[in-house]
Amino acid sequence: MTVTRRSLLGGAAAAAALGLTGCAGLTPGRRSGGSLDYWNLFGGGDGVRMAQMLDTFRAANPGITLDAVTLAWGNPYYTKLSLATLGDKPPDVAVAHLTRMTTMVEAGLVEELHADDLARHGLTADKFASRPWQAGLVEGRTYAIPLDTHPFVMFYNTDVCEKAGLLDSSGALSPLDTPEKFTDALRKAKEVTKAYGGVVAITNETATPWRIFQSLYSQLGGEMLADQGRKVVIDDGRANRVLSFLQGLTRSGVAPASIDYQGSIASFANGQAGFFFQGEWEISTFQTAKTPFSMTLFPNVFGGGKYAVQADSHTLLIPRQPDRDPERTDRALLFIRSMLDQSKTWAEGGHVPAWLPFRDSAEYKAMTPQSNYAAAADAAVYDPAGWYSGSGSNFEIITGSIIASVMAGQQSPASAIAQMRDKLTNLATTAPPV
């Protein structure tokens, strides 16, 4: 493909639309023959498990040379993926968060996955959890295959909770389904730990404050954006109620008003807090630390009869190919099917599998504490649509930093809501560059 001035301008616009920050370290171009390039953003425990899954694929497919590249997640990852695609050097398969995938599709960076191609590999809609599958469709068309759902969950120290009288006769945690029950549980846990009842990372952290706010705000039915991100529709009453509740936790001392991500992990792992609120991927951290813990759904504090919780999904997609080759497409789908068939390995890292043949199996149901919060996938609330929204986006950075400032006692809920509305409106009224 000849690179014209028009295509270069289009590429720059697409990069800006995705919140891209620069480009460095692009991998070499696509290779022909029995090869497959795969880009992902998995580090830590996820990265270790993904490496196991890739080795299994290699062993089962010795004729295919698999070249896997792991990049830092967030805007840097989407920058490199987008610019590689615009430069006609995309990988054959890439991971993308579901909340970022739609913007990539609208920018023309993703191949549509046709039903007949998918069917050859047994990839039909009835084999996937409904919520992530449906949320990933763009105008009814399939562009990405969901690998999982990764919801915001609640970890709890079983020793602390037992001493605090928070476990029932079967050892299960009593429901914390009202603001009063939630706060009282943290207070009782604090009496045991002599430090904190629960911990939420807020210092130098934006994603976690957004996730806990969005979980509670969604339980009240609140929405942040509408009209594909072109309108800011924050409900002041609902947002104020949630922010006041969160600020009350830190002001009362049942949760710290200053603690970063690693500090929150250390506090829970060391028994200085009875509860830890974070994504389920930290399961490996506490298994390694031999912390006495279990996991369950993030409490339905405000939802009443309807449950909601913030989540995202990892998806596998085929970036736009300069010369789409049916054999290469089949090779990519063979790889995607292999990843789904290894959902057990992936679920061991905490993620709720989207692949129903495993998620509905007795083997998964017996897998605890992972299966304790599997229902979160059906109640997942994804970040609102918008060219500046999605996991690791400017939307999360803006909202998360402001929410954190409220929890740290640095500003009032009313002031924070006004600040969020002002900053988000600046983005909402900016025309998407594509």
Protein backbone atom coordinates (compact mmCIF):
# COMPACT_ATOMS: atom_id res chain seq x y z
CA MET A 1 0.00 0.00 0.00
CA THR A 2 1.34 3.40 -0.95
CA VAL A 3 1.50 5.81 1.94
CA THR A 4 -0.14 9.01 0.75
CA ARG A 5 -0.45 12.38 2.45
CA ARG A 6 -4.15 11.58 2.98
CA SER A 7 -3.42 8.27 4.67
CA LEU A 8 -0.77 9.87 6.85
CA LEU A 9 -3.22 12.57 7.93
CA GLY A 10 -5.82 9.92 8.59
CA GLY A 11 -3.34 7.99 10.64
CA ALA A 12 -2.46 10.98 12.75
CA ALA A 13 -6.13 11.70 13.32
CA ALA A 14 -6.85 8.13 14.30
CA ALA A 15 -3.94 8.18 16.72
CA ALA A 16 -5.24 11.35 18.34
CA ALA A 17 -8.76 9.92 18.58
CA LEU A 18 -7.42 7.01 20.56
CA GLY A 19 -5.61 9.24 23.02
CA LEU A 20 -2.26 8.18 21.66
CA THR A 21 0.92 9.61 23.06
CA GLY A 22 3.71 8.60 20.75
CA CYS A 23 5.31 5.68 19.01
CA ALA A 24 8.44 3.75 19.64
CA GLY A 25 9.66 0.24 19.35
CA LEU A 26 7.29 -1.07 16.67
CA THR A 27 7.96 -4.70 15.93
CA PRO A 28 9.11 -5.83 12.51
CA GLY A 29 6.51 -6.26 9.81
CA ARG A 30 4.35 -9.25 9.15
CA ARG A 31 5.95 -12.38 7.89
CA SER A 32 4.49 -14.71 5.36
CA GLY A 33 4.22 -18.47 5.62
CA GLY A 34 3.41 -20.36 8.78
CA SER A 35 3.95 -17.54 11.19
CA LEU A 36 1.74 -15.60 13.56
CA ASP A 37 2.47 -12.31 15.32
CA TYR A 38 0.60 -11.67 18.56
CA TRP A 39 0.59 -8.53 20.68
CA ASN A 40 -0.67 -8.38 24.22
CA LEU A 41 -0.52 -6.17 27.31
CA PHE A 42 -0.24 -8.77 30.04
CA GLY A 43 2.35 -8.39 32.79
CA GLY A 44 2.67 -9.89 36.26
CA GLY A 45 0.66 -13.02 36.97
CA ASP A 46 -1.38 -12.56 33.80
CA GLY A 47 1.82 -12.52 31.79
CA VAL A 48 3.05 -15.75 33.35
CA ARG A 49 -0.22 -17.52 32.56
CA MET A 50 -0.34 -16.13 29.05
CA ALA A 51 3.18 -17.45 28.47
CA GLN A 52 1.97 -20.91 29.53
CA MET A 53 -0.92 -20.67 27.09
CA LEU A 54 1.37 -19.61 24.27
CA ASP A 55 3.67 -22.55 24.96
CA THR A 56 0.70 -24.89 24.76
CA PHE A 57 -0.25 -23.41 21.39
CA ARG A 58 3.30 -23.81 20.11
CA ALA A 59 3.44 -27.43 21.23
CA ALA A 60 0.13 -28.22 19.53
CA ASN A 61 1.03 -26.33 16.34
CA PRO A 62 4.72 -26.95 15.61
CA GLY A 63 4.30 -25.79 12.01
CA ILE A 64 3.37 -22.26 13.09
CA THR A 65 6.05 -19.86 14.26
CA LEU A 66 4.44 -17.77 16.99
CA ASP A 67 6.04 -14.43 17.81
CA ALA A 68 4.43 -12.89 20.89
CA VAL A 69 5.17 -9.35 22.05
CA THR A 70 4.10 -7.91 25.41
CA LEU A 71 3.80 -4.12 25.69
CA ALA A 72 2.95 -1.77 28.55
CA TRP A 73 -0.82 -1.40 28.84
CA GLY A 74 -2.80 1.84 28.55
CA ASN A 75 -2.29 4.57 25.99
CA PRO A 76 1.26 3.39 25.06
CA TYR A 77 -0.10 -0.01 24.02
CA TYR A 78 -2.93 1.38 21.91
CA THR A 79 -0.54 3.91 20.40
CA LYS A 80 1.79 1.22 19.12
CA LEU A 81 -1.01 -1.07 17.97
CA SER A 82 -2.80 1.69 16.09
CA LEU A 83 0.27 3.11 14.41
CA ALA A 84 1.52 -0.34 13.43
CA THR A 85 -1.85 -1.01 11.82
CA LEU A 86 -1.90 2.35 10.08
CA GLY A 87 1.61 1.61 8.84
CA ASP A 88 0.44 -1.72 7.39
CA LYS A 89 2.55 -3.69 9.83
CA PRO A 90 -0.05 -4.98 12.29
CA PRO A 91 0.24 -8.18 14.28
CA ASP A 92 -2.04 -11.03 13.20
CA VAL A 93 -3.85 -11.05 16.53
CA ALA A 94 -3.93 -8.46 19.30
CA VAL A 95 -5.50 -8.06 22.71
CA ALA A 96 -7.71 -5.01 23.31
CA HIS A 97 -9.96 -4.02 26.16
CA LEU A 98 -13.58 -4.17 25.10
CA THR A 99 -13.97 -0.52 26.14
CA ARG A 100 -11.20 0.53 23.72
CA MET A 101 -12.11 -1.83 20.91
CA THR A 102 -15.11 0.15 19.65
CA THR A 103 -13.04 3.28 19.08
CA MET A 104 -10.52 1.19 17.15
CA VAL A 105 -13.31 -0.21 14.99
CA GLU A 106 -14.67 3.26 14.28
CA ALA A 107 -11.16 4.33 13.29
CA GLY A 108 -11.05 1.50 10.74
CA LEU A 109 -8.30 -0.40 12.56
CA VAL A 110 -10.01 -3.76 13.08
CA GLU A 111 -11.09 -6.52 10.69
CA GLU A 112 -14.69 -7.68 10.88
CA LEU A 113 -14.96 -11.33 11.88
CA HIS A 114 -17.44 -13.04 9.58
CA ALA A 115 -19.77 -15.71 10.89
CA ASP A 116 -18.67 -18.38 8.42
CA ASP A 117 -15.00 -17.89 9.32
CA LEU A 118 -15.81 -18.05 13.02
CA ALA A 119 -18.03 -21.10 12.61
CA ARG A 120 -15.17 -23.11 11.06
CA HIS A 121 -13.46 -22.80 14.44
CA GLY A 122 -16.55 -23.39 16.55
CA LEU A 123 -16.73 -19.74 17.57
CA THR A 124 -20.45 -19.05 17.68
CA ALA A 125 -22.33 -16.59 19.88
CA ASP A 126 -23.99 -19.31 21.93
CA LYS A 127 -20.55 -20.38 23.20
CA PHE A 128 -19.89 -17.05 24.90
CA ALA A 129 -21.23 -15.27 27.97
CA SER A 130 -23.94 -12.97 26.71
CA ARG A 131 -22.86 -9.71 28.36
CA PRO A 132 -19.30 -9.44 26.98
CA TRP A 133 -20.35 -10.87 23.59
CA GLN A 134 -23.20 -8.40 23.13
CA ALA A 135 -21.21 -5.46 24.49
CA GLY A 136 -18.51 -6.17 21.93
CA LEU A 137 -20.75 -5.96 18.87
CA VAL A 138 -20.53 -2.80 16.78
CA GLU A 139 -23.72 -2.15 14.81
CA GLY A 140 -24.51 -5.82 15.18
CA ARG A 141 -21.20 -6.95 13.67
CA THR A 142 -18.47 -8.98 15.34
CA TYR A 143 -14.98 -7.52 15.51
CA ALA A 144 -13.55 -9.07 18.65
CA ILE A 145 -13.74 -12.28 20.64
CA PRO A 146 -14.11 -11.84 24.41
CA LEU A 147 -11.64 -13.83 26.47
CA ASP A 148 -12.94 -12.86 29.89
CA THR A 149 -14.62 -10.36 32.16
CA HIS A 150 -12.49 -8.75 34.85
CA PRO A 151 -14.75 -7.12 37.43
CA PHE A 152 -14.07 -5.03 40.51
CA VAL A 153 -14.37 -7.44 43.44
CA MET A 154 -14.01 -7.64 47.22
CA PHE A 155 -11.19 -9.58 48.86
CA TYR A 156 -11.58 -10.37 52.56
CA ASN A 157 -9.20 -11.74 55.15
CA THR A 158 -10.93 -14.83 56.51
CA ASP A 159 -9.06 -14.77 59.84
CA VAL A 160 -9.89 -11.12 60.46
CA CYS A 161 -13.51 -11.53 59.42
CA GLU A 162 -13.96 -14.60 61.62
CA LYS A 163 -12.61 -12.75 64.65
CA ALA A 164 -14.84 -9.81 63.78
CA GLY A 165 -17.91 -12.04 63.72
CA LEU A 166 -18.59 -11.34 60.05
CA LEU A 167 -18.74 -14.97 58.85
CA ASP A 168 -21.77 -17.21 59.08
CA SER A 169 -21.78 -20.82 60.30
CA SER A 170 -20.62 -22.03 56.87
CA GLY A 171 -17.72 -19.61 56.85
CA ALA A 172 -19.29 -17.33 54.24
CA LEU A 173 -19.24 -13.56 54.59
CA SER A 174 -22.54 -12.03 55.58
CA PRO A 175 -24.02 -9.73 52.86
CA LEU A 176 -22.88 -6.08 53.04
CA ASP A 177 -25.82 -4.85 51.00
CA THR A 178 -26.51 -1.49 52.60
CA PRO A 179 -24.26 1.48 53.38
CA GLU A 180 -24.73 0.79 57.08
CA LYS A 181 -23.79 -2.91 56.83
CA PHE A 182 -20.78 -2.09 54.65
CA THR A 183 -19.46 0.56 57.03
CA ASP A 184 -20.17 -1.53 60.11
CA ALA A 185 -18.24 -4.49 58.65
CA LEU A 186 -15.21 -2.28 58.06
CA ARG A 187 -15.50 -0.89 61.57
CA LYS A 188 -15.58 -4.38 63.09
CA ALA A 189 -12.63 -5.46 60.96
CA LYS A 190 -10.67 -2.42 62.10
CA GLU A 191 -11.27 -3.39 65.71
CA VAL A 192 -9.47 -6.66 64.94
CA THR A 193 -6.62 -5.32 62.80
CA LYS A 194 -6.06 -2.19 64.93
CA ALA A 195 -5.20 -0.44 61.65
CA TYR A 196 -7.90 -0.32 58.95
CA GLY A 197 -11.13 -2.06 58.10
CA GLY A 198 -10.66 -1.91 54.32
CA VAL A 199 -8.24 -0.44 51.80
CA VAL A 200 -8.72 1.16 48.40
CA ALA A 201 -5.75 2.51 46.46
CA ILE A 202 -6.19 6.26 45.94
CA THR A 203 -2.75 7.92 46.08
CA ASN A 204 -1.15 8.36 42.65
CA GLU A 205 -3.86 6.05 41.38
CA THR A 206 -6.75 6.82 39.03
CA ALA A 207 -8.23 3.53 37.82
CA THR A 208 -9.12 2.14 41.26
CA PRO A 209 -11.02 5.22 42.52
CA TRP A 210 -12.95 5.25 39.24
CA ARG A 211 -13.81 1.56 39.56
CA ILE A 212 -15.21 1.76 43.07
CA PHE A 213 -17.14 4.94 42.24
CA GLN A 214 -18.55 3.51 39.02
CA SER A 215 -19.64 0.32 40.80
CA LEU A 216 -21.62 2.26 43.43
CA TYR A 217 -22.86 4.95 41.04
CA SER A 218 -24.13 2.33 38.58
CA GLN A 219 -25.99 0.58 41.39
CA LEU A 220 -27.91 3.83 41.78
CA GLY A 221 -28.55 3.91 38.02
CA GLY A 222 -26.22 6.82 37.37
CA GLU A 223 -24.63 7.52 33.99
CA MET A 224 -21.67 9.72 33.11
CA LEU A 225 -21.80 10.18 29.32
CA ALA A 226 -24.41 9.89 26.60
CA ASP A 227 -24.63 10.21 22.83
CA GLN A 228 -21.35 8.36 22.26
CA GLY A 229 -19.51 10.65 24.65
CA ARG A 230 -20.78 13.91 23.16
CA LYS A 231 -22.82 14.74 26.28
CA VAL A 232 -21.87 14.75 29.96
CA VAL A 233 -24.89 13.59 31.96
CA ILE A 234 -23.61 13.28 35.52
CA ASP A 235 -26.48 12.97 37.98
CA ASP A 236 -25.49 15.35 40.77
CA GLY A 237 -27.67 13.74 43.42
CA ARG A 238 -26.50 10.20 42.79
CA ALA A 239 -22.85 11.18 42.35
CA ASN A 240 -22.95 13.25 45.54
CA ARG A 241 -24.42 10.33 47.46
CA VAL A 242 -21.63 7.99 46.34
CA LEU A 243 -18.81 10.48 46.87
CA SER A 244 -20.12 11.37 50.32
CA PHE A 245 -20.25 7.68 51.21
CA LEU A 246 -16.68 7.10 50.02
CA GLN A 247 -15.40 10.19 51.81
CA GLY A 248 -17.16 9.03 54.95
CA LEU A 249 -15.12 5.82 54.93
CA THR A 250 -11.82 7.68 55.04
CA ARG A 251 -13.00 10.43 57.39
CA SER A 252 -14.16 7.86 59.92
CA GLY A 253 -10.83 6.08 59.68
CA VAL A 254 -12.14 2.68 58.61
CA ALA A 255 -10.22 3.19 55.34
CA PRO A 256 -6.97 5.13 54.82
CA ALA A 257 -7.13 8.59 53.25
CA SER A 258 -3.68 8.18 51.74
CA ILE A 259 -2.45 4.88 50.33
CA ASP A 260 -1.07 3.92 46.94
CA TYR A 261 -1.59 0.71 44.97
CA GLN A 262 1.34 -1.23 46.40
CA GLY A 263 0.60 0.06 49.87
CA SER A 264 -2.98 -1.19 49.67
CA ILE A 265 -1.75 -4.63 48.64
CA ALA A 266 0.80 -4.71 51.46
CA SER A 267 -1.80 -3.65 54.05
CA PHE A 268 -4.15 -6.47 53.09
CA ALA A 269 -1.42 -9.07 52.68
CA ASN A 270 -0.02 -8.21 56.13
CA GLY A 271 -3.39 -8.41 57.87
CA GLN A 272 -3.59 -4.66 58.49
CA ALA A 273 -6.97 -4.53 56.74
CA GLY A 274 -9.85 -6.96 56.66
CA PHE A 275 -11.08 -5.96 53.20
CA PHE A 276 -9.38 -5.07 49.93
CA PHE A 277 -11.22 -3.64 46.94
CA GLN A 278 -9.60 -4.17 43.56
CA GLY A 279 -9.72 -6.12 40.33
CA GLU A 280 -9.72 -9.89 40.70
CA TRP A 281 -6.30 -10.18 39.03
CA GLU A 282 -4.59 -9.65 42.38
CA ILE A 283 -5.61 -13.18 43.44
CA SER A 284 -2.15 -14.47 42.59
CA THR A 285 -0.53 -11.84 44.80
CA PHE A 286 -2.30 -13.05 47.93
CA GLN A 287 -1.95 -16.73 47.06
CA THR A 288 1.80 -16.18 46.80
CA ALA A 289 1.81 -14.24 50.07
CA LYS A 290 -0.20 -17.04 51.71
CA THR A 291 -2.70 -14.51 53.01
CA PRO A 292 -5.77 -16.18 54.55
CA PHE A 293 -8.37 -14.76 52.19
CA SER A 294 -11.37 -15.32 50.01
CA MET A 295 -13.14 -13.27 47.34
CA THR A 296 -16.69 -12.41 46.47
CA LEU A 297 -18.76 -9.94 44.50
CA PHE A 298 -18.22 -6.29 45.28
CA PRO A 299 -21.15 -5.57 47.64
CA ASN A 300 -24.45 -4.38 46.26
CA VAL A 301 -24.47 -1.37 48.57
CA PHE A 302 -26.99 0.79 46.71
CA GLY A 303 -28.56 -1.47 44.11
CA GLY A 304 -31.38 -3.09 46.01
CA GLY A 305 -32.79 -5.78 43.74
CA LYS A 306 -30.54 -4.97 40.81
CA TYR A 307 -26.80 -5.61 40.89
CA ALA A 308 -24.17 -3.64 38.96
CA VAL A 309 -20.37 -3.57 39.11
CA GLN A 310 -17.64 -1.93 37.07
CA ALA A 311 -15.79 -4.29 34.75
CA ASP A 312 -14.01 -4.60 31.44
CA SER A 313 -13.17 -7.54 29.20
CA HIS A 314 -10.02 -8.57 27.38
CA THR A 315 -10.81 -9.32 23.76
CA LEU A 316 -8.84 -10.87 20.92
CA LEU A 317 -9.09 -9.16 17.55
CA ILE A 318 -7.48 -9.11 14.14
CA PRO A 319 -6.07 -5.66 13.33
CA ARG A 320 -6.78 -4.39 9.82
CA GLN A 321 -4.59 -6.31 7.42
CA PRO A 322 -3.13 -4.67 4.28
CA ASP A 323 -3.74 -7.85 2.26
CA ARG A 324 -6.14 -10.07 4.12
CA ASP A 325 -5.28 -13.68 3.42
CA PRO A 326 -7.86 -16.42 4.18
CA GLU A 327 -5.14 -18.78 5.37
CA ARG A 328 -3.71 -16.15 7.69
CA THR A 329 -7.22 -15.41 9.00
CA ASP A 330 -7.74 -19.09 9.73
CA ARG A 331 -4.39 -19.25 11.48
CA ALA A 332 -5.39 -16.27 13.62
CA LEU A 333 -8.73 -17.86 14.49
CA LEU A 334 -6.99 -21.15 15.30
CA PHE A 335 -4.85 -19.21 17.77
CA ILE A 336 -7.88 -17.44 19.27
CA ARG A 337 -9.68 -20.76 19.70
CA SER A 338 -6.62 -22.17 21.44
CA MET A 339 -6.63 -19.29 23.94
CA LEU A 340 -10.31 -19.92 24.70
CA ASP A 341 -9.71 -23.64 25.11
CA GLN A 342 -7.17 -22.75 27.80
CA SER A 343 -9.70 -20.77 29.83
CA LYS A 344 -8.90 -22.81 32.92
CA THR A 345 -5.34 -21.50 32.96
CA TRP A 346 -6.63 -17.97 32.40
CA ALA A 347 -9.28 -18.28 35.13
CA GLU A 348 -6.65 -19.35 37.65
CA GLY A 349 -5.46 -15.75 37.43
CA GLY A 350 -8.86 -14.51 38.57
CA HIS A 351 -10.58 -13.54 35.33
CA VAL A 352 -14.12 -14.77 34.70
CA PRO A 353 -13.98 -16.81 31.49
CA ALA A 354 -16.22 -15.73 28.61
CA TRP A 355 -15.97 -19.18 26.99
CA LEU A 356 -19.07 -21.02 28.22
CA PRO A 357 -17.82 -24.56 27.58
CA PHE A 358 -15.47 -23.93 30.49
CA ARG A 359 -17.36 -21.32 32.51
CA ASP A 360 -20.40 -23.61 32.78
CA SER A 361 -18.32 -26.67 33.62
CA ALA A 362 -18.25 -28.43 36.97
CA GLU A 363 -14.50 -27.89 36.96
CA TYR A 364 -14.90 -24.09 36.98
CA LYS A 365 -17.72 -24.14 39.52
CA ALA A 366 -15.42 -26.07 41.84
CA MET A 367 -12.68 -23.49 41.35
CA THR A 368 -12.79 -21.18 44.36
CA PRO A 369 -12.64 -18.37 45.15
CA GLN A 370 -12.80 -17.59 41.40
CA SER A 371 -16.31 -18.93 40.82
CA ASN A 372 -17.60 -16.98 43.86
CA TYR A 373 -17.86 -13.81 41.78
CA ALA A 374 -18.62 -15.26 38.33
CA ALA A 375 -22.05 -13.62 38.40
CA ALA A 376 -20.32 -10.25 38.07
CA ALA A 377 -19.90 -10.94 34.35
CA ASP A 378 -23.66 -10.74 33.84
CA ALA A 379 -23.87 -7.45 35.76
CA ALA A 380 -20.80 -5.84 34.24
CA VAL A 381 -20.97 -2.09 33.69
CA TYR A 382 -18.46 -1.07 31.04
CA ASP A 383 -17.04 2.42 30.78
CA PRO A 384 -19.35 4.71 28.79
CA ALA A 385 -18.87 5.01 25.06
CA GLY A 386 -16.78 7.93 23.84
CA TRP A 387 -13.61 8.46 21.85
CA TYR A 388 -11.79 9.53 25.03
CA SER A 389 -13.21 6.75 27.27
CA GLY A 390 -12.28 3.19 28.17
CA SER A 391 -9.72 1.42 30.34
CA GLY A 392 -6.58 3.46 30.88
CA SER A 393 -8.09 6.42 28.98
CA ASN A 394 -8.13 10.15 29.62
CA PHE A 395 -11.70 9.69 30.90
CA GLU A 396 -10.54 7.35 33.67
CA ILE A 397 -7.56 9.55 34.48
CA ILE A 398 -9.76 12.65 34.90
CA THR A 399 -12.57 11.03 36.86
CA GLY A 400 -10.32 8.79 38.94
CA SER A 401 -8.02 11.60 40.07
CA ILE A 402 -10.97 13.76 41.12
CA ILE A 403 -12.66 10.90 43.00
CA ALA A 404 -9.37 10.17 44.76
CA SER A 405 -9.14 13.78 45.89
CA VAL A 406 -12.56 13.48 47.54
CA MET A 407 -11.57 10.27 49.31
CA ALA A 408 -8.37 11.98 50.45
CA GLY A 409 -10.45 14.78 51.96
CA GLN A 410 -9.02 17.39 49.62
CA GLN A 411 -12.31 18.68 48.22
CA SER A 412 -16.05 18.33 48.71
CA PRO A 413 -18.26 16.05 46.62
CA ALA A 414 -20.07 19.06 45.14
CA SER A 415 -16.80 20.67 44.08
CA ALA A 416 -15.59 17.39 42.62
CA ILE A 417 -18.73 16.92 40.55
CA ALA A 418 -18.42 20.42 39.13
CA GLN A 419 -14.77 19.75 38.29
CA MET A 420 -15.58 16.45 36.61
CA ARG A 421 -18.34 18.02 34.55
CA ASP A 422 -16.09 20.88 33.46
CA LYS A 423 -13.16 18.69 32.42
CA LEU A 424 -15.26 16.03 30.72
CA THR A 425 -17.25 18.68 28.85
CA ASN A 426 -14.01 19.93 27.33
CA LEU A 427 -13.48 16.46 25.84
CA ALA A 428 -17.14 15.89 24.99
CA THR A 429 -17.33 19.08 22.96
CA THR A 430 -14.14 18.34 21.09
CA ALA A 431 -14.89 16.71 17.77
CA PRO A 432 -13.36 13.25 17.40
CA PRO A 433 -10.35 13.55 15.12
CA VAL A 434 -11.76 10.75 12.94
